């Protein structure tokens, strides 16, 4: 099996799907790697490094698609809504595509992908089970986003994060409030604490309280209870508007007392819930910072501008997305290890096996033989079942 790595084409994307470190691992499993020239340069990985590990460097993108049995990307058509459609003519029937696809973002793009005949796997649909932990690219990228969000806030806020005792007196620590304690939120807590800030956090799932406290954060408990707070995969469930209205009312005081607010409340496949209103922003101290990690899906803050940093009422509101691309070296390394674990799950001794009785394979498989075959995607878009069953080698 030949695994191809084209250069990422989304504007500003600096990651690369595979790194030199994993090439020998894939070779041991019977896979060769071909990579487009310059694909890893923005992340700090040179063509010579890939070649030294046994990968073949090809001069053009079309050559990579033509030669590869499996195409690995960070942002595939679907998640790449800027330039991803340029890859559609390069994909061929029964070729394997692995990467972030955003299968519940747009039915039209998933149908376009299916029409190519490509067998596509969306890494963001990886089940949260023990066997799949090493393949969980979504968690890897969320970890980096949580880390980077705190660094961005620390750079923008006009205060020091740690408490300091100096000849000029004692400086009190900054107060950082994290809303949403998934992987990104928990990493934000850990990073804020390492920098010396006082960190507090809230999540509608009470089960995360112990995790917040284990990282040195204070868990904010509100006199309000969510119904079915999390789904079977461990993600927060969307609540009705009455819940969110009461939640905003109770969170207002904590937000107004914080120097930095980091929001990371994302509901898979849905618009992000509104948690920080304009009125709440007006009550924050001048110079305060909000970093909205849900900006790509509408944002948790009412004043967030997707992809931009704006100042409203003296508060800087950061709506950057794709933060993992701002730490491309290690983001690529983590992503490459996730993909390698997944590829070696699919390919044994150079032979590809798609076993639909296996939960990892079944849950991540999106399109096959011209159809959308993923049950979760079918349900989300109210599509009829394609009835794909059995095993194909």
Protein backbone atom coordinates (compact mmCIF):
# COMPACT_ATOMS: atom_id res chain seq x y z
CA UNK A 1 0.00 0.00 0.00
CA UNK A 2 1.26 3.46 -0.92
CA UNK A 3 0.35 6.32 1.43
CA UNK A 4 0.34 9.80 -0.10
CA UNK A 5 0.83 13.11 1.70
CA UNK A 6 -0.12 16.19 -0.36
CA UNK A 7 0.72 19.67 0.88
CA UNK A 8 -2.11 21.26 2.84
CA UNK A 9 -3.86 23.86 0.70
CA UNK A 10 -6.14 25.63 3.22
CA UNK A 11 -4.94 29.28 3.51
CA UNK A 12 -2.55 29.62 6.45
CA UNK A 13 -2.51 25.89 7.26
CA UNK A 14 1.01 24.94 8.37
CA UNK A 15 0.52 21.35 9.51
CA UNK A 16 1.41 18.23 7.53
CA UNK A 17 -0.43 14.89 7.82
CA UNK A 18 2.64 12.69 8.37
CA UNK A 19 6.14 13.44 9.70
CA UNK A 20 9.46 11.67 9.06
CA UNK A 21 9.32 9.95 12.45
CA UNK A 22 6.40 7.69 11.43
CA UNK A 23 7.65 6.66 7.98
CA UNK A 24 9.62 3.62 9.27
CA UNK A 25 6.63 2.55 11.39
CA UNK A 26 4.38 2.55 8.33
CA UNK A 27 7.06 0.72 6.31
CA UNK A 28 7.15 -2.04 8.92
CA UNK A 29 3.39 -2.48 8.42
CA UNK A 30 3.85 -2.81 4.66
CA UNK A 31 3.19 0.77 3.58
CA UNK A 32 5.32 3.10 1.47
CA UNK A 33 5.07 6.88 1.82
CA UNK A 34 5.10 9.41 -1.01
CA UNK A 35 4.97 13.10 -0.18
CA UNK A 36 4.58 16.27 -2.19
CA UNK A 37 7.74 18.38 -2.25
CA UNK A 38 7.64 21.07 0.43
CA UNK A 39 4.61 19.60 2.22
CA UNK A 40 6.30 19.65 5.62
CA UNK A 41 8.37 22.81 5.38
CA UNK A 42 5.89 25.13 7.12
CA UNK A 43 5.80 22.72 10.06
CA UNK A 44 9.59 22.43 10.25
CA UNK A 45 10.01 19.11 8.41
CA UNK A 46 12.23 19.25 5.32
CA UNK A 47 12.03 17.01 2.25
CA UNK A 48 15.51 15.66 3.02
CA UNK A 49 14.28 14.39 6.41
CA UNK A 50 11.43 12.50 4.77
CA UNK A 51 13.76 11.03 2.17
CA UNK A 52 16.25 9.97 4.84
CA UNK A 53 13.51 7.96 6.55
CA UNK A 54 12.53 6.21 3.32
CA UNK A 55 9.74 8.38 1.91
CA UNK A 56 9.69 9.29 -1.78
CA UNK A 57 9.40 13.02 -2.48
CA UNK A 58 7.32 13.80 -5.59
CA UNK A 59 7.41 17.19 -7.32
CA UNK A 60 3.66 17.70 -7.85
CA UNK A 61 0.33 17.31 -6.06
CA UNK A 62 -1.31 15.41 -8.92
CA UNK A 63 1.51 12.85 -8.87
CA UNK A 64 0.91 12.14 -5.19
CA UNK A 65 -2.82 11.54 -5.77
CA UNK A 66 -2.10 9.44 -8.85
CA UNK A 67 0.43 7.16 -7.15
CA UNK A 68 -1.12 6.74 -3.70
CA UNK A 69 -3.62 4.09 -2.63
CA UNK A 70 -4.28 6.06 0.57
CA UNK A 71 -4.35 9.87 0.77
CA UNK A 72 -3.71 11.37 4.20
CA UNK A 73 -4.55 15.01 4.87
CA UNK A 74 -5.14 17.27 7.83
CA UNK A 75 -8.02 19.20 6.23
CA UNK A 76 -9.80 17.25 3.50
CA UNK A 77 -12.62 18.45 1.28
CA UNK A 78 -15.36 19.39 3.75
CA UNK A 79 -13.17 20.72 6.53
CA UNK A 80 -11.28 22.71 3.91
CA UNK A 81 -14.07 24.95 2.64
CA UNK A 82 -11.67 27.29 0.81
CA UNK A 83 -9.65 25.15 -1.59
CA UNK A 84 -10.68 21.58 -0.81
CA UNK A 85 -12.87 21.16 -3.89
CA UNK A 86 -9.75 21.41 -6.09
CA UNK A 87 -8.81 17.92 -4.88
CA UNK A 88 -12.07 16.29 -6.01
CA UNK A 89 -10.92 15.69 -9.62
CA UNK A 90 -7.70 14.14 -8.26
CA UNK A 91 -9.48 11.53 -6.15
CA UNK A 92 -10.38 8.24 -7.80
CA UNK A 93 -12.74 5.34 -7.23
CA UNK A 94 -11.85 3.12 -4.26
CA UNK A 95 -8.94 5.33 -3.25
CA UNK A 96 -8.77 5.75 0.54
CA UNK A 97 -8.94 9.23 2.07
CA UNK A 98 -8.15 9.83 5.75
CA UNK A 99 -8.33 13.16 7.59
CA UNK A 100 -10.65 15.79 9.05
CA UNK A 101 -13.72 15.91 6.79
CA UNK A 102 -16.32 17.70 8.95
CA UNK A 103 -19.00 15.25 7.76
CA UNK A 104 -21.83 16.97 9.63
CA UNK A 105 -20.94 20.43 8.37
CA UNK A 106 -22.45 20.33 4.89
CA UNK A 107 -24.41 17.57 3.20
CA UNK A 108 -23.44 18.96 -0.22
CA UNK A 109 -19.72 18.52 0.40
CA UNK A 110 -20.15 14.98 1.73
CA UNK A 111 -22.19 14.12 -1.37
CA UNK A 112 -19.45 15.59 -3.57
CA UNK A 113 -16.90 13.42 -1.81
CA UNK A 114 -19.09 10.34 -2.16
CA UNK A 115 -19.52 11.01 -5.90
CA UNK A 116 -15.78 10.51 -6.44
CA UNK A 117 -16.14 6.88 -5.35
CA UNK A 118 -13.54 7.45 -2.65
CA UNK A 119 -13.61 5.44 0.56
CA UNK A 120 -13.24 8.21 3.13
CA UNK A 121 -12.57 8.12 6.86
CA UNK A 122 -13.24 11.13 9.13
CA UNK A 123 -10.83 11.14 12.06
CA UNK A 124 -13.11 13.44 14.09
CA UNK A 125 -15.63 10.56 14.34
CA UNK A 126 -13.13 8.32 16.15
CA UNK A 127 -15.01 6.56 18.99
CA UNK A 128 -13.92 7.45 22.50
CA UNK A 129 -12.96 3.97 23.55
CA UNK A 130 -9.74 2.66 25.08
CA UNK A 131 -8.61 0.92 21.87
CA UNK A 132 -8.90 4.16 19.91
CA UNK A 133 -7.13 6.54 22.29
CA UNK A 134 -3.90 6.49 20.27
CA UNK A 135 -5.93 7.40 17.14
CA UNK A 136 -7.88 10.30 18.66
CA UNK A 137 -6.74 13.22 16.51
CA UNK A 138 -9.57 15.44 17.71
CA UNK A 139 -8.29 15.26 21.29
CA UNK A 140 -4.71 15.84 20.16
CA UNK A 141 -5.62 19.02 18.32
CA UNK A 142 -7.90 20.18 21.15
CA UNK A 143 -4.99 19.81 23.57
CA UNK A 144 -2.91 22.18 21.47
CA UNK A 145 -5.82 24.63 21.09
CA UNK A 146 -6.31 24.83 24.86
CA UNK A 147 -2.61 25.45 25.39
CA UNK A 148 -2.34 28.07 22.66
CA UNK A 149 -5.50 29.89 23.80
CA UNK A 150 -3.90 30.64 27.16
CA UNK A 151 -0.67 31.88 25.56
CA UNK A 152 -2.63 34.20 23.26
CA UNK A 153 -4.57 35.57 26.23
CA UNK A 154 -1.41 36.00 28.31
CA UNK A 155 0.14 37.99 25.48
CA UNK A 156 -2.88 40.30 25.10
CA UNK A 157 -3.99 40.91 28.67
CA UNK A 158 -2.23 43.92 30.29
CA UNK A 159 -1.44 41.97 33.44
CA UNK A 160 1.08 39.38 34.58
CA UNK A 161 -0.31 35.89 35.11
CA UNK A 162 1.64 34.82 38.22
CA UNK A 163 1.70 36.34 41.68
CA UNK A 164 5.05 38.04 42.25
CA UNK A 165 6.64 39.50 45.32
CA UNK A 166 8.96 42.27 44.21
CA UNK A 167 10.75 45.32 45.59
CA UNK A 168 7.85 47.30 44.16
CA UNK A 169 5.36 45.27 46.17
CA UNK A 170 3.29 42.14 45.62
CA UNK A 171 1.54 41.61 42.29
CA UNK A 172 -1.69 39.64 42.51
CA UNK A 173 -2.21 36.78 40.03
CA UNK A 174 -4.48 37.05 37.02
CA UNK A 175 -7.88 35.34 37.18
CA UNK A 176 -8.62 32.98 34.31
CA UNK A 177 -12.09 31.49 33.83
CA UNK A 178 -12.60 28.55 31.46
CA UNK A 179 -16.11 27.66 30.26
CA UNK A 180 -16.31 24.14 28.87
CA UNK A 181 -14.06 21.44 30.32
CA UNK A 182 -13.47 19.09 27.44
CA UNK A 183 -9.93 18.31 26.32
CA UNK A 184 -9.23 21.91 25.24
CA UNK A 185 -10.69 23.39 28.41
CA UNK A 186 -8.76 21.07 30.69
CA UNK A 187 -5.50 21.85 28.88
CA UNK A 188 -6.29 25.56 29.23
CA UNK A 189 -6.69 25.11 32.99
CA UNK A 190 -3.39 23.24 33.23
CA UNK A 191 -1.54 25.85 31.15
CA UNK A 192 -3.01 28.80 33.07
CA UNK A 193 -1.96 27.18 36.34
CA UNK A 194 1.56 26.52 35.05
CA UNK A 195 1.84 30.22 34.22
CA UNK A 196 0.78 31.09 37.75
CA UNK A 197 -2.78 32.32 37.21
CA UNK A 198 -5.73 31.52 39.43
CA UNK A 199 -7.90 29.25 37.30
CA UNK A 200 -11.58 28.48 37.70
CA UNK A 201 -13.84 26.55 35.36
CA UNK A 202 -17.42 25.62 34.64
CA UNK A 203 -19.03 22.80 32.68
CA UNK A 204 -22.63 21.62 32.58
CA UNK A 205 -21.33 18.08 33.15
CA UNK A 206 -20.72 17.67 36.91
CA UNK A 207 -18.59 14.59 36.19
CA UNK A 208 -15.64 16.82 35.17
CA UNK A 209 -15.38 18.46 38.61
CA UNK A 210 -12.69 16.04 39.81
CA UNK A 211 -10.65 16.58 36.66
CA UNK A 212 -10.73 20.36 37.09
CA UNK A 213 -9.68 20.11 40.73
CA UNK A 214 -6.90 17.63 39.95
CA UNK A 215 -5.35 20.28 37.68
CA UNK A 216 -5.45 22.90 40.43
CA UNK A 217 -8.53 24.70 39.16
CA UNK A 218 -11.63 25.71 41.10
CA UNK A 219 -14.84 24.21 39.76
CA UNK A 220 -17.74 26.68 39.65
CA UNK A 221 -21.00 25.02 40.59
CA UNK A 222 -24.25 26.67 39.59
CA UNK A 223 -27.71 26.00 41.10
CA UNK A 224 -28.95 24.64 37.77
CA UNK A 225 -29.00 21.10 36.46
CA UNK A 226 -28.72 20.04 32.82
CA UNK A 227 -30.87 17.26 31.42
CA UNK A 228 -28.81 14.40 29.97
CA UNK A 229 -25.64 16.48 30.28
CA UNK A 230 -23.50 14.24 28.08
CA UNK A 231 -23.98 11.73 25.29
CA UNK A 232 -22.61 8.20 24.97
CA UNK A 233 -19.35 9.53 23.50
CA UNK A 234 -18.75 11.83 26.49
CA UNK A 235 -19.59 15.08 24.68
CA UNK A 236 -21.89 17.70 26.19
CA UNK A 237 -25.46 17.58 24.92
CA UNK A 238 -27.25 20.65 23.61
CA UNK A 239 -29.78 22.09 26.08
CA UNK A 240 -32.90 24.18 25.52
CA UNK A 241 -32.80 27.97 25.45
CA UNK A 242 -34.35 28.28 28.93
CA UNK A 243 -31.36 26.42 30.36
CA UNK A 244 -28.84 28.61 28.55
CA UNK A 245 -30.66 31.78 29.62
CA UNK A 246 -30.48 30.78 33.28
CA UNK A 247 -26.87 29.65 32.80
CA UNK A 248 -25.84 33.04 31.39
CA UNK A 249 -27.56 34.80 34.27
CA UNK A 250 -25.56 32.78 36.81
CA UNK A 251 -22.25 32.96 34.93
CA UNK A 252 -22.39 36.75 34.60
CA UNK A 253 -20.78 37.51 37.96
CA UNK A 254 -17.88 35.12 37.45
CA UNK A 255 -17.21 36.47 33.95
CA UNK A 256 -17.21 40.09 35.15
CA UNK A 257 -14.64 39.28 37.85
CA UNK A 258 -12.24 37.53 35.44
CA UNK A 259 -9.23 39.00 33.64
CA UNK A 260 -9.32 36.26 30.99
CA UNK A 261 -12.26 34.13 29.85
CA UNK A 262 -11.67 31.14 27.59
CA UNK A 263 -14.78 29.56 26.13
CA UNK A 264 -14.60 26.03 24.78
CA UNK A 265 -18.20 24.83 24.74
CA UNK A 266 -18.78 23.02 21.45
CA UNK A 267 -21.68 20.70 20.61
CA UNK A 268 -20.62 18.30 17.80
CA UNK A 269 -22.54 19.05 14.60
CA UNK A 270 -24.44 22.00 16.09
CA UNK A 271 -24.08 25.76 16.46
CA UNK A 272 -22.12 26.67 19.57
CA UNK A 273 -24.28 27.75 22.54
CA UNK A 274 -24.27 31.45 23.43
CA UNK A 275 -22.70 31.75 26.89
CA UNK A 276 -21.20 35.25 27.08
CA UNK A 277 -23.54 38.09 26.08
CA UNK A 278 -22.80 41.67 25.08
CA UNK A 279 -24.07 42.82 28.48
CA UNK A 280 -21.63 40.47 30.25
CA UNK A 281 -18.75 41.85 28.19
CA UNK A 282 -19.63 45.45 29.15
CA UNK A 283 -19.22 44.52 32.82
CA UNK A 284 -15.68 43.15 32.39
CA UNK A 285 -12.71 45.36 33.32
CA UNK A 286 -11.02 47.28 30.48
CA UNK A 287 -8.12 45.26 29.07
CA UNK A 288 -9.77 41.92 29.79
CA UNK A 289 -9.50 39.20 27.16
CA UNK A 290 -11.94 36.58 25.86
CA UNK A 291 -10.59 33.74 23.70
CA UNK A 292 -13.49 31.98 21.99
CA UNK A 293 -12.45 28.46 20.93
CA UNK A 294 -15.94 27.88 19.52
CA UNK A 295 -15.64 30.74 17.02
CA UNK A 296 -15.70 28.49 13.97
CA UNK A 297 -19.18 27.23 14.90
CA UNK A 298 -20.69 30.61 15.69
CA UNK A 299 -18.90 31.33 18.94
CA UNK A 300 -19.80 31.17 22.62
CA UNK A 301 -19.53 34.96 22.91
CA UNK A 302 -22.13 37.20 21.30
CA UNK A 303 -19.48 39.65 20.07
CA UNK A 304 -17.05 37.10 18.58
CA UNK A 305 -15.98 37.76 14.98
CA UNK A 306 -14.92 34.45 13.42
CA UNK A 307 -11.25 34.46 12.46
CA UNK A 308 -10.57 37.89 13.95
CA UNK A 309 -9.58 39.65 17.16
CA UNK A 310 -11.73 42.67 17.96
CA UNK A 311 -12.01 45.13 20.83
CA UNK A 312 -15.50 45.77 22.18
CA UNK A 313 -16.19 47.86 25.30
CA UNK A 314 -12.47 47.76 26.11
CA UNK A 315 -12.38 43.94 26.00
CA UNK A 316 -10.32 42.06 23.41
CA UNK A 317 -12.33 39.18 21.95
CA UNK A 318 -10.28 36.63 20.00
CA UNK A 319 -12.17 34.52 17.47
CA UNK A 320 -9.23 32.80 15.81
CA UNK A 321 -9.83 29.23 14.70
CA UNK A 322 -7.45 26.48 13.62
CA UNK A 323 -5.20 27.34 16.57
CA UNK A 324 -3.40 24.00 16.29
CA UNK A 325 -1.89 25.24 13.03
CA UNK A 326 -0.11 27.94 15.06
CA UNK A 327 1.96 25.20 16.74
CA UNK A 328 2.62 23.21 13.55
CA UNK A 329 5.67 21.19 14.52
CA UNK A 330 4.16 19.33 17.46
CA UNK A 331 0.62 19.47 16.09
CA UNK A 332 1.87 17.60 13.00
CA UNK A 333 3.80 15.15 15.14
CA UNK A 334 0.77 14.32 17.29
CA UNK A 335 -1.55 14.11 14.29
CA UNK A 336 0.91 11.87 12.41
CA UNK A 337 1.06 9.47 15.34
CA UNK A 338 -2.74 9.37 15.48
CA UNK A 339 -2.96 8.63 11.75
CA UNK A 340 -0.22 6.02 11.95
CA UNK A 341 -2.08 4.18 14.69
CA UNK A 342 -5.23 4.27 12.56
CA UNK A 343 -3.49 3.22 9.34
CA UNK A 344 -1.79 0.27 11.03
CA UNK A 345 -5.23 -0.68 12.34
CA UNK A 346 -6.55 -0.78 8.76
CA UNK A 347 -3.49 -2.22 7.02
CA UNK A 348 -1.82 -5.46 8.09
CA UNK A 349 1.24 -6.74 6.22
CA UNK A 350 0.54 -4.37 3.36
CA UNK A 351 -3.08 -5.48 2.96
CA UNK A 352 -6.07 -3.22 3.58
CA UNK A 353 -9.03 -4.65 5.48
CA UNK A 354 -12.26 -2.72 6.03
CA UNK A 355 -14.12 -4.65 8.71
CA UNK A 356 -17.49 -3.06 9.44
CA UNK A 357 -17.92 -5.19 12.53
CA UNK A 358 -15.06 -3.24 14.09
CA UNK A 359 -16.30 -0.13 15.92
CA UNK A 360 -13.29 2.03 15.02
CA UNK A 361 -13.57 1.32 11.30
CA UNK A 362 -17.37 1.51 11.19
CA UNK A 363 -17.68 4.78 13.11
CA UNK A 364 -15.06 6.66 11.07
CA UNK A 365 -16.07 5.41 7.61
CA UNK A 366 -18.07 8.16 5.88
CA UNK A 367 -18.30 7.39 2.15
CA UNK A 368 -17.85 4.22 0.14
CA UNK A 369 -18.80 3.06 -3.38
CA UNK A 370 -20.48 6.37 -4.11
CA UNK A 371 -22.68 6.38 -0.99
CA UNK A 372 -22.72 8.02 2.42
CA UNK A 373 -22.52 4.99 4.69
CA UNK A 374 -21.90 6.44 8.15
CA UNK A 375 -24.89 5.88 10.44
CA UNK A 376 -24.25 9.02 12.48
CA UNK A 377 -24.08 11.19 9.36
CA UNK A 378 -27.17 9.52 7.91
CA UNK A 379 -29.10 10.23 11.09
CA UNK A 380 -27.87 13.83 11.31
CA UNK A 381 -29.02 14.63 7.76
CA UNK A 382 -32.08 12.31 7.90
CA UNK A 383 -30.71 10.15 5.08
CA UNK A 384 -31.84 6.60 4.32
CA UNK A 385 -29.47 3.87 5.44
CA UNK A 386 -27.09 2.68 2.74
CA UNK A 387 -27.16 -0.78 4.27
CA UNK A 388 -23.42 -1.32 4.10
CA UNK A 389 -22.57 -4.48 6.01
CA UNK A 390 -19.92 -7.15 6.19
CA UNK A 391 -16.20 -7.18 5.49
CA UNK A 392 -14.09 -6.27 2.50
CA UNK A 393 -10.40 -6.95 2.09
